[in-house]
Amino acid sequence: MTPQLASQDASMHLDVTPLIGTEQVQLDLELRWADFNGLDDTGYPQINEKKLETKLRTKIGDEIMIGGLNRQVRLQGKSQVPILGSIPVLGYLLEAKPRRPRRPR
């Protein structure tokens, strides 16, 4: 079997639609993002797609600030001793399962 290379867009988009009135401004905000979530059983990348929609209303002349998006990923792995790790009870005693939270950059 030959290794294959796959590419998938994993990005973030912010769409802002302003509605300007005589005294107020309304912003319709739509945030869409996608990120890599690992490989499926066939070796193709799994992409998580999410969407957030909200409305913001303020007086004309007021300042607004939109905060950042923060997420945390938990990586889970397993290492075992070759051959001995396949034996049910012995393998459980000898395996190591590091779990560490990671913040993507």
N, C-alpha and C. Protein backbone atom coordinates (compact mmCIF):
# COMPACT_ATOMS: atom_id res chain seq x y z
N MET A 1 0.85 -1.18 0.00
CA MET A 1 0.00 0.00 0.00
C MET A 1 0.89 1.25 0.00
N THR A 2 0.61 2.17 -0.87
CA THR A 2 1.39 3.40 -0.96
C THR A 2 0.80 4.48 -0.05
N PRO A 3 1.66 5.21 0.65
CA PRO A 3 1.14 6.30 1.47
C PRO A 3 0.51 7.38 0.59
N GLN A 4 -0.57 7.98 1.09
CA GLN A 4 -1.24 9.04 0.34
C GLN A 4 -1.17 10.33 1.14
N LEU A 5 -1.18 11.41 0.43
CA LEU A 5 -1.17 12.72 1.04
C LEU A 5 -2.52 13.37 0.78
N ALA A 6 -3.17 13.83 1.85
CA ALA A 6 -4.47 14.49 1.72
C ALA A 6 -4.37 15.91 2.27
N SER A 7 -5.12 16.80 1.69
CA SER A 7 -5.13 18.20 2.12
C SER A 7 -6.57 18.63 2.36
N GLN A 8 -6.77 19.38 3.43
CA GLN A 8 -8.11 19.87 3.76
C GLN A 8 -7.97 21.25 4.39
N ASP A 9 -8.83 22.16 4.02
CA ASP A 9 -8.83 23.51 4.56
C ASP A 9 -9.30 23.48 6.02
N ALA A 10 -8.49 23.99 6.93
CA ALA A 10 -8.88 24.10 8.34
C ALA A 10 -8.65 25.57 8.72
N SER A 11 -9.69 26.36 8.63
CA SER A 11 -9.52 27.80 8.78
C SER A 11 -10.66 28.41 9.59
N MET A 12 -10.60 29.74 9.76
CA MET A 12 -11.61 30.47 10.51
C MET A 12 -12.07 31.66 9.66
N HIS A 13 -13.39 31.89 9.63
CA HIS A 13 -13.97 32.99 8.87
C HIS A 13 -14.92 33.77 9.76
N LEU A 14 -14.86 35.10 9.68
CA LEU A 14 -15.77 35.97 10.41
C LEU A 14 -16.49 36.83 9.38
N ASP A 15 -17.82 36.69 9.31
CA ASP A 15 -18.63 37.52 8.43
C ASP A 15 -19.40 38.52 9.29
N VAL A 16 -19.34 39.79 8.92
CA VAL A 16 -20.02 40.85 9.66
C VAL A 16 -20.96 41.57 8.70
N THR A 17 -22.24 41.64 9.08
CA THR A 17 -23.23 42.35 8.28
C THR A 17 -23.76 43.51 9.12
N PRO A 18 -23.41 44.77 8.78
CA PRO A 18 -23.89 45.91 9.56
C PRO A 18 -25.27 46.37 9.08
N LEU A 19 -26.12 46.72 10.02
CA LEU A 19 -27.41 47.35 9.75
C LEU A 19 -27.40 48.68 10.49
N ILE A 20 -27.34 49.77 9.75
CA ILE A 20 -27.17 51.09 10.35
C ILE A 20 -28.49 51.82 10.38
N GLY A 21 -28.90 52.20 11.59
CA GLY A 21 -30.14 52.96 11.77
C GLY A 21 -29.82 54.42 12.08
N THR A 22 -30.81 55.17 12.52
CA THR A 22 -30.58 56.59 12.83
C THR A 22 -29.86 56.78 14.15
N GLU A 23 -30.10 55.90 15.13
CA GLU A 23 -29.46 56.04 16.44
C GLU A 23 -28.65 54.81 16.85
N GLN A 24 -28.88 53.69 16.18
CA GLN A 24 -28.22 52.44 16.58
C GLN A 24 -27.59 51.74 15.38
N VAL A 25 -26.63 50.88 15.69
CA VAL A 25 -26.01 50.02 14.70
C VAL A 25 -26.19 48.58 15.17
N GLN A 26 -26.61 47.71 14.27
CA GLN A 26 -26.71 46.30 14.60
C GLN A 26 -25.73 45.54 13.71
N LEU A 27 -24.93 44.67 14.34
CA LEU A 27 -23.99 43.84 13.60
C LEU A 27 -24.44 42.39 13.70
N ASP A 28 -24.65 41.77 12.57
CA ASP A 28 -24.92 40.32 12.54
C ASP A 28 -23.58 39.65 12.33
N LEU A 29 -23.15 38.85 13.30
CA LEU A 29 -21.84 38.20 13.26
C LEU A 29 -22.02 36.71 13.04
N GLU A 30 -21.23 36.17 12.14
CA GLU A 30 -21.21 34.73 11.90
C GLU A 30 -19.75 34.28 11.87
N LEU A 31 -19.41 33.41 12.80
CA LEU A 31 -18.06 32.88 12.89
C LEU A 31 -18.10 31.40 12.52
N ARG A 32 -17.28 31.01 11.53
CA ARG A 32 -17.19 29.61 11.10
C ARG A 32 -15.73 29.18 11.18
N TRP A 33 -15.52 28.01 11.73
CA TRP A 33 -14.16 27.50 11.79
C TRP A 33 -14.14 26.00 11.63
N ALA A 34 -13.00 25.52 11.19
CA ALA A 34 -12.79 24.08 10.98
C ALA A 34 -11.39 23.75 11.46
N ASP A 35 -11.25 22.60 12.07
CA ASP A 35 -9.93 22.17 12.49
C ASP A 35 -9.76 20.67 12.35
N PHE A 36 -8.52 20.27 12.33
CA PHE A 36 -8.14 18.87 12.15
C PHE A 36 -8.45 18.10 13.42
N ASN A 37 -9.10 16.94 13.28
CA ASN A 37 -9.54 16.16 14.44
C ASN A 37 -8.94 14.75 14.43
N GLY A 38 -7.93 14.50 13.63
CA GLY A 38 -7.32 13.18 13.56
C GLY A 38 -7.63 12.50 12.24
N LEU A 39 -7.26 11.24 12.16
CA LEU A 39 -7.51 10.45 10.96
C LEU A 39 -8.59 9.41 11.23
N ASP A 40 -9.41 9.14 10.21
CA ASP A 40 -10.43 8.09 10.38
C ASP A 40 -9.79 6.73 10.09
N ASP A 41 -10.60 5.69 10.10
CA ASP A 41 -10.11 4.32 9.91
C ASP A 41 -9.44 4.10 8.56
N THR A 42 -9.83 4.87 7.56
CA THR A 42 -9.26 4.71 6.23
C THR A 42 -8.01 5.58 6.02
N GLY A 43 -7.66 6.41 7.00
CA GLY A 43 -6.48 7.26 6.89
C GLY A 43 -6.75 8.65 6.39
N TYR A 44 -8.01 8.99 6.14
CA TYR A 44 -8.34 10.34 5.67
C TYR A 44 -8.52 11.26 6.87
N PRO A 45 -8.19 12.55 6.71
CA PRO A 45 -8.33 13.48 7.85
C PRO A 45 -9.79 13.74 8.19
N GLN A 46 -10.06 13.82 9.48
CA GLN A 46 -11.39 14.21 9.97
C GLN A 46 -11.33 15.69 10.30
N ILE A 47 -12.29 16.43 9.78
CA ILE A 47 -12.34 17.87 10.01
C ILE A 47 -13.62 18.20 10.77
N ASN A 48 -13.48 18.89 11.89
CA ASN A 48 -14.62 19.38 12.67
C ASN A 48 -15.00 20.76 12.16
N GLU A 49 -16.25 20.95 11.78
CA GLU A 49 -16.71 22.26 11.34
C GLU A 49 -17.74 22.77 12.34
N LYS A 50 -17.56 24.02 12.77
CA LYS A 50 -18.46 24.62 13.75
C LYS A 50 -18.86 26.02 13.29
N LYS A 51 -19.99 26.49 13.83
CA LYS A 51 -20.50 27.80 13.43
C LYS A 51 -21.14 28.47 14.64
N LEU A 52 -20.91 29.77 14.77
CA LEU A 52 -21.49 30.56 15.85
C LEU A 52 -22.10 31.81 15.21
N GLU A 53 -23.35 32.08 15.55
CA GLU A 53 -24.03 33.28 15.05
C GLU A 53 -24.53 34.09 16.23
N THR A 54 -24.39 35.41 16.15
CA THR A 54 -24.91 36.28 17.19
C THR A 54 -25.17 37.67 16.60
N LYS A 55 -25.90 38.48 17.34
CA LYS A 55 -26.20 39.85 16.93
C LYS A 55 -25.70 40.79 18.01
N LEU A 56 -25.21 41.94 17.60
CA LEU A 56 -24.71 42.95 18.51
C LEU A 56 -25.38 44.27 18.16
N ARG A 57 -25.95 44.91 19.15
CA ARG A 57 -26.61 46.20 18.91
C ARG A 57 -26.00 47.24 19.85
N THR A 58 -25.64 48.40 19.29
CA THR A 58 -25.03 49.47 20.08
C THR A 58 -25.43 50.83 19.52
N LYS A 59 -25.23 51.85 20.30
CA LYS A 59 -25.52 53.21 19.84
C LYS A 59 -24.44 53.63 18.86
N ILE A 60 -24.80 54.50 17.94
CA ILE A 60 -23.83 55.02 16.97
C ILE A 60 -22.78 55.82 17.74
N GLY A 61 -21.51 55.54 17.45
CA GLY A 61 -20.41 56.24 18.12
C GLY A 61 -19.79 55.43 19.26
N ASP A 62 -20.50 54.41 19.77
CA ASP A 62 -19.93 53.58 20.83
C ASP A 62 -18.89 52.63 20.26
N GLU A 63 -17.92 52.29 21.10
CA GLU A 63 -16.89 51.35 20.68
C GLU A 63 -17.26 49.95 21.16
N ILE A 64 -16.88 48.96 20.37
CA ILE A 64 -17.13 47.56 20.75
C ILE A 64 -15.82 46.80 20.65
N MET A 65 -15.76 45.69 21.35
CA MET A 65 -14.59 44.82 21.26
C MET A 65 -15.08 43.38 21.20
N ILE A 66 -14.51 42.62 20.29
CA ILE A 66 -14.84 41.21 20.15
C ILE A 66 -13.65 40.42 20.69
N GLY A 67 -13.90 39.57 21.68
CA GLY A 67 -12.82 38.80 22.30
C GLY A 67 -12.39 37.64 21.43
N GLY A 68 -11.30 37.02 21.84
CA GLY A 68 -10.74 35.91 21.08
C GLY A 68 -11.46 34.60 21.34
N LEU A 69 -11.18 33.66 20.51
CA LEU A 69 -11.73 32.32 20.61
C LEU A 69 -10.66 31.43 21.22
N ASN A 70 -11.00 30.75 22.29
CA ASN A 70 -10.03 29.95 23.01
C ASN A 70 -10.54 28.51 23.08
N ARG A 71 -9.65 27.56 22.86
CA ARG A 71 -10.06 26.17 22.99
C ARG A 71 -8.89 25.37 23.54
N GLN A 72 -9.21 24.22 24.08
CA GLN A 72 -8.18 23.36 24.63
C GLN A 72 -8.38 21.96 24.07
N VAL A 73 -7.30 21.32 23.69
CA VAL A 73 -7.35 19.99 23.09
C VAL A 73 -6.70 19.02 24.06
N ARG A 74 -7.33 17.88 24.27
CA ARG A 74 -6.73 16.85 25.12
C ARG A 74 -6.18 15.75 24.22
N LEU A 75 -4.87 15.56 24.32
CA LEU A 75 -4.21 14.52 23.55
C LEU A 75 -4.12 13.27 24.41
N GLN A 76 -4.42 12.15 23.83
CA GLN A 76 -4.37 10.90 24.57
C GLN A 76 -3.59 9.89 23.75
N GLY A 77 -2.58 9.32 24.35
CA GLY A 77 -1.76 8.37 23.64
C GLY A 77 -1.57 7.11 24.47
N LYS A 78 -0.89 6.16 23.89
CA LYS A 78 -0.64 4.90 24.59
C LYS A 78 0.68 4.35 24.09
N SER A 79 1.54 3.96 25.02
CA SER A 79 2.77 3.30 24.63
C SER A 79 2.85 2.00 25.41
N GLN A 80 3.38 0.97 24.76
CA GLN A 80 3.45 -0.33 25.41
C GLN A 80 4.72 -1.05 25.00
N VAL A 81 5.08 -2.04 25.78
CA VAL A 81 6.25 -2.86 25.49
C VAL A 81 5.88 -3.82 24.36
N PRO A 82 6.71 -3.90 23.31
CA PRO A 82 6.39 -4.81 22.20
C PRO A 82 6.20 -6.24 22.71
N ILE A 83 5.27 -6.95 22.14
CA ILE A 83 4.87 -8.33 22.42
C ILE A 83 4.24 -8.45 23.81
N LEU A 84 4.93 -8.01 24.88
CA LEU A 84 4.37 -8.12 26.23
C LEU A 84 3.14 -7.23 26.40
N GLY A 85 3.09 -6.14 25.67
CA GLY A 85 1.94 -5.24 25.77
C GLY A 85 0.67 -5.83 25.20
N SER A 86 0.77 -6.89 24.40
CA SER A 86 -0.40 -7.53 23.82
C SER A 86 -1.05 -8.53 24.76
N ILE A 87 -0.36 -8.93 25.82
CA ILE A 87 -0.92 -9.87 26.80
C ILE A 87 -1.86 -9.08 27.70
N PRO A 88 -3.15 -9.52 27.84
CA PRO A 88 -4.16 -8.72 28.52
C PRO A 88 -3.77 -8.13 29.88
N VAL A 89 -3.48 -8.88 30.88
CA VAL A 89 -3.21 -8.32 32.22
C VAL A 89 -1.83 -7.69 32.26
N LEU A 90 -0.85 -8.36 31.73
CA LEU A 90 0.51 -7.86 31.74
C LEU A 90 0.63 -6.58 30.91
N GLY A 91 -0.04 -6.55 29.78
CA GLY A 91 -0.02 -5.37 28.93
C GLY A 91 -0.60 -4.15 29.63
N TYR A 92 -1.67 -4.34 30.41
CA TYR A 92 -2.29 -3.24 31.15
C TYR A 92 -1.32 -2.68 32.18
N LEU A 93 -0.56 -3.55 32.84
CA LEU A 93 0.38 -3.11 33.86
C LEU A 93 1.58 -2.38 33.27
N LEU A 94 1.97 -2.74 32.06
CA LEU A 94 3.17 -2.18 31.45
C LEU A 94 2.92 -0.97 30.54
N GLU A 95 1.67 -0.68 30.21
CA GLU A 95 1.42 0.43 29.28
C GLU A 95 1.42 1.77 30.01
N ALA A 96 1.74 2.78 29.27
CA ALA A 96 1.72 4.15 29.78
C ALA A 96 0.74 4.96 28.95
N LYS A 97 -0.14 5.71 29.63
CA LYS A 97 -1.13 6.53 28.94
C LYS A 97 -0.95 7.99 29.34
N PRO A 98 -0.08 8.70 28.66
CA PRO A 98 0.08 10.12 29.00
C PRO A 98 -1.14 10.92 28.54
N ARG A 99 -1.64 11.74 29.41
CA ARG A 99 -2.75 12.65 29.07
C ARG A 99 -2.30 14.05 29.42
N ARG A 100 -2.30 14.91 28.44
CA ARG A 100 -1.87 16.26 28.70
C ARG A 100 -2.72 17.23 27.88
N PRO A 101 -3.26 18.24 28.52
CA PRO A 101 -3.99 19.25 27.75
C PRO A 101 -3.01 20.08 26.93
N ARG A 102 -3.47 20.53 25.79
CA ARG A 102 -2.63 21.33 24.90
C ARG A 102 -3.48 22.44 24.31
N ARG A 103 -2.93 23.62 24.29
CA ARG A 103 -3.60 24.74 23.65
C ARG A 103 -3.01 24.93 22.27
N PRO A 104 -3.85 24.83 21.24
CA PRO A 104 -3.35 25.08 19.88
C PRO A 104 -2.91 26.53 19.71
N ARG A 105 -1.97 26.75 18.83
CA ARG A 105 -1.49 28.13 18.60
C ARG A 105 -2.25 28.77 17.49
